[in-house]
Protein backbone atom coordinates (compact mmCIF):
# COMPACT_ATOMS: atom_id res chain seq x y z
CA UNK A 1 -4.04 15.23 -3.81
CA UNK A 2 -2.03 17.96 -2.19
CA UNK A 3 2.05 17.10 -3.35
CA UNK A 4 2.77 18.14 0.18
CA UNK A 5 2.14 14.16 1.00
CA UNK A 6 4.65 12.74 -0.72
CA UNK A 7 7.83 12.46 0.76
CA UNK A 8 11.07 11.10 0.60
CA UNK A 9 10.27 8.08 2.30
CA UNK A 10 6.18 7.30 2.41
CA UNK A 11 3.08 8.99 1.51
CA UNK A 12 1.94 10.72 4.70
CA UNK A 13 -1.11 13.36 6.10
CA UNK A 14 -3.28 14.38 8.57
CA UNK A 15 -6.32 12.10 8.23
CA UNK A 16 -8.69 12.84 6.38
CA UNK A 17 -7.85 16.49 5.28
CA UNK A 18 -4.64 15.29 3.39
CA UNK A 19 -5.12 11.33 3.63
CA UNK A 20 -8.41 9.45 3.09
CA UNK A 21 -10.06 6.57 1.63
CA UNK A 22 -9.91 8.41 -2.11
CA UNK A 23 -6.53 9.39 -1.91
CA UNK A 24 -5.47 6.03 -1.10
CA UNK A 25 -7.57 4.73 -3.77
CA UNK A 26 -5.76 6.70 -6.49
CA UNK A 27 -2.44 5.98 -4.94
CA UNK A 28 -4.00 2.24 -5.38
CA UNK A 29 -4.72 2.23 -8.94
CA UNK A 30 -1.23 3.67 -10.07
CA UNK A 31 0.51 0.75 -8.44
CA UNK A 32 -2.10 -1.36 -10.33
CA UNK A 33 -0.44 -0.02 -13.43
CA UNK A 34 2.99 -0.04 -11.91
CA UNK A 35 3.12 -3.59 -10.80
CA UNK A 36 1.02 -4.75 -13.89
CA UNK A 37 1.11 -8.65 -12.26
CA UNK A 38 2.10 -10.74 -9.31
CA UNK A 39 1.18 -10.08 -5.74
CA UNK A 40 0.73 -7.02 -3.73
CA UNK A 41 1.20 -7.83 -0.14
CA UNK A 42 -1.30 -5.20 2.18
CA UNK A 43 -1.00 -4.77 5.71
CA UNK A 44 -2.02 -1.98 8.41
CA UNK A 45 -1.35 -0.66 11.91
CA UNK A 46 -3.32 -0.06 14.71
CA UNK A 47 -4.39 3.85 13.71
CA UNK A 48 -8.31 4.09 13.83
CA UNK A 49 -8.16 5.30 10.56
CA UNK A 50 -6.05 2.83 9.05
CA UNK A 51 -8.70 -0.02 8.59
CA UNK A 52 -10.84 2.06 6.85
CA UNK A 53 -7.99 3.12 4.50
CA UNK A 54 -7.13 -0.47 4.39
CA UNK A 55 -10.56 -1.53 2.75
CA UNK A 56 -10.07 1.24 0.47
CA UNK A 57 -6.69 -0.04 -0.92
CA UNK A 58 -8.34 -3.32 -1.39
CA UNK A 59 -11.01 -2.31 -3.28
CA UNK A 60 -8.95 0.09 -5.31
CA UNK A 61 -6.19 -2.80 -6.34
CA UNK A 62 -9.34 -4.42 -8.42
CA UNK A 63 -8.27 -7.72 -8.08
CA UNK A 64 -9.44 -10.75 -6.11
CA UNK A 65 -7.58 -10.85 -2.26
CA UNK A 66 -6.72 -14.08 -1.43
CA UNK A 67 -4.33 -15.91 1.92
CA UNK A 68 -0.95 -16.05 1.37
CA UNK A 69 -1.86 -19.79 0.76
CA UNK A 70 -3.48 -19.63 -2.02
CA UNK A 71 -2.28 -21.07 -5.32
CA UNK A 72 -3.96 -18.38 -7.26
CA UNK A 73 -1.29 -16.68 -9.67
CA UNK A 74 -1.69 -13.00 -11.27
CA UNK A 75 -2.58 -12.85 -14.98
CA UNK A 76 -2.11 -9.48 -16.13
CA UNK A 77 -3.17 -8.00 -12.73
CA UNK A 78 -1.85 -7.95 -9.31
CA UNK A 79 -3.32 -9.90 -6.65
CA UNK A 80 -3.98 -8.37 -3.11
CA UNK A 81 -2.54 -10.43 -0.45
CA UNK A 82 -4.66 -9.22 2.40
CA UNK A 83 -2.49 -9.60 5.76
CA UNK A 84 -4.57 -7.61 8.00
CA UNK A 85 -3.16 -5.69 11.07
CA UNK A 86 0.99 -5.81 11.25
CA UNK A 87 3.75 -4.14 11.65
CA UNK A 88 5.87 -2.77 9.28
CA UNK A 89 8.83 -5.21 9.39
CA UNK A 90 6.53 -8.23 8.97
CA UNK A 91 4.83 -7.13 5.46
CA UNK A 92 8.15 -6.23 4.28
CA UNK A 93 9.20 -9.68 5.64
CA UNK A 94 5.93 -11.00 3.60
CA UNK A 95 7.29 -9.50 0.50
CA UNK A 96 10.45 -10.90 0.72
CA UNK A 97 9.32 -14.38 1.94
CA UNK A 98 6.42 -14.73 -0.60
CA UNK A 99 8.50 -13.49 -3.15
CA UNK A 100 5.51 -10.58 -3.87
CA UNK A 101 5.68 -8.19 -6.52
CA UNK A 102 5.59 -5.20 -3.75
CA UNK A 103 3.72 -4.37 -0.46
CA UNK A 104 1.52 -1.75 1.05
CA UNK A 105 1.71 -1.35 4.41
CA UNK A 106 -1.03 1.42 5.86
CA UNK A 107 0.78 3.64 8.36
CA UNK A 108 2.30 6.88 9.71
CA UNK A 109 4.82 5.51 11.82
CA UNK A 110 5.94 8.10 14.60
CA UNK A 111 3.87 10.58 13.29
CA UNK A 112 0.55 11.51 15.89
CA UNK A 113 -2.48 9.79 15.64
CA UNK A 114 -4.42 12.14 13.42
CA UNK A 115 -2.18 10.84 10.68
CA UNK A 116 -1.75 8.19 8.23
CA UNK A 117 -0.12 7.15 5.13
CA UNK A 118 1.32 4.29 3.01
CA UNK A 119 4.82 2.75 3.33
CA UNK A 120 5.13 1.16 -0.68
CA UNK A 121 7.90 -1.48 -1.23
CA UNK A 122 8.91 -3.19 -4.41
CA UNK A 123 10.02 -6.62 -5.11
CA UNK A 124 12.08 -8.01 -2.07
CA UNK A 125 10.72 -5.04 0.06
CA UNK A 126 12.72 -2.18 -2.09
CA UNK A 127 11.48 1.14 -0.97
CA UNK A 128 9.62 2.74 -3.57
CA UNK A 129 9.56 6.72 -2.15
CA UNK A 130 6.90 9.07 -2.06
CA UNK A 131 8.40 10.93 -4.97
CA UNK A 132 8.39 7.87 -7.14
CA UNK A 133 4.70 7.32 -6.12
CA UNK A 134 3.65 11.01 -7.10
CA UNK A 135 5.30 10.22 -10.58
CA UNK A 136 3.01 7.22 -11.01
CA UNK A 137 0.03 8.58 -10.19
CA UNK A 138 1.14 11.55 -12.98
CA UNK A 139 1.84 8.99 -15.82
């Protein structure tokens, strides 16, 4: 994993050279350890690589996914709330509205189409920096 993908506000790099399914899988595993329980809202943007990265995130969260209307609760592990293709503001809204533990948005925002990345937030959609995510992976 290249240390240069961990930015001040997110994780971002060229797909598939710097950001790929393996990289986001490792990040998802670190986020499971960080969030411990509750719900993690997961969404993705319209980039061609986003659906594949989305699937890798959901697989590596190692929890059963469910819809936002489900009454299941996280018992020791966070549950993924898979919301599909959405905008970043929509994901932030849902993290807060559902009172989720956190959220992961697969997007590279304004970067060229060959880039992708992750924006990660905690409760109340509070941003978690790429540098803090890097620390979580190191632990």
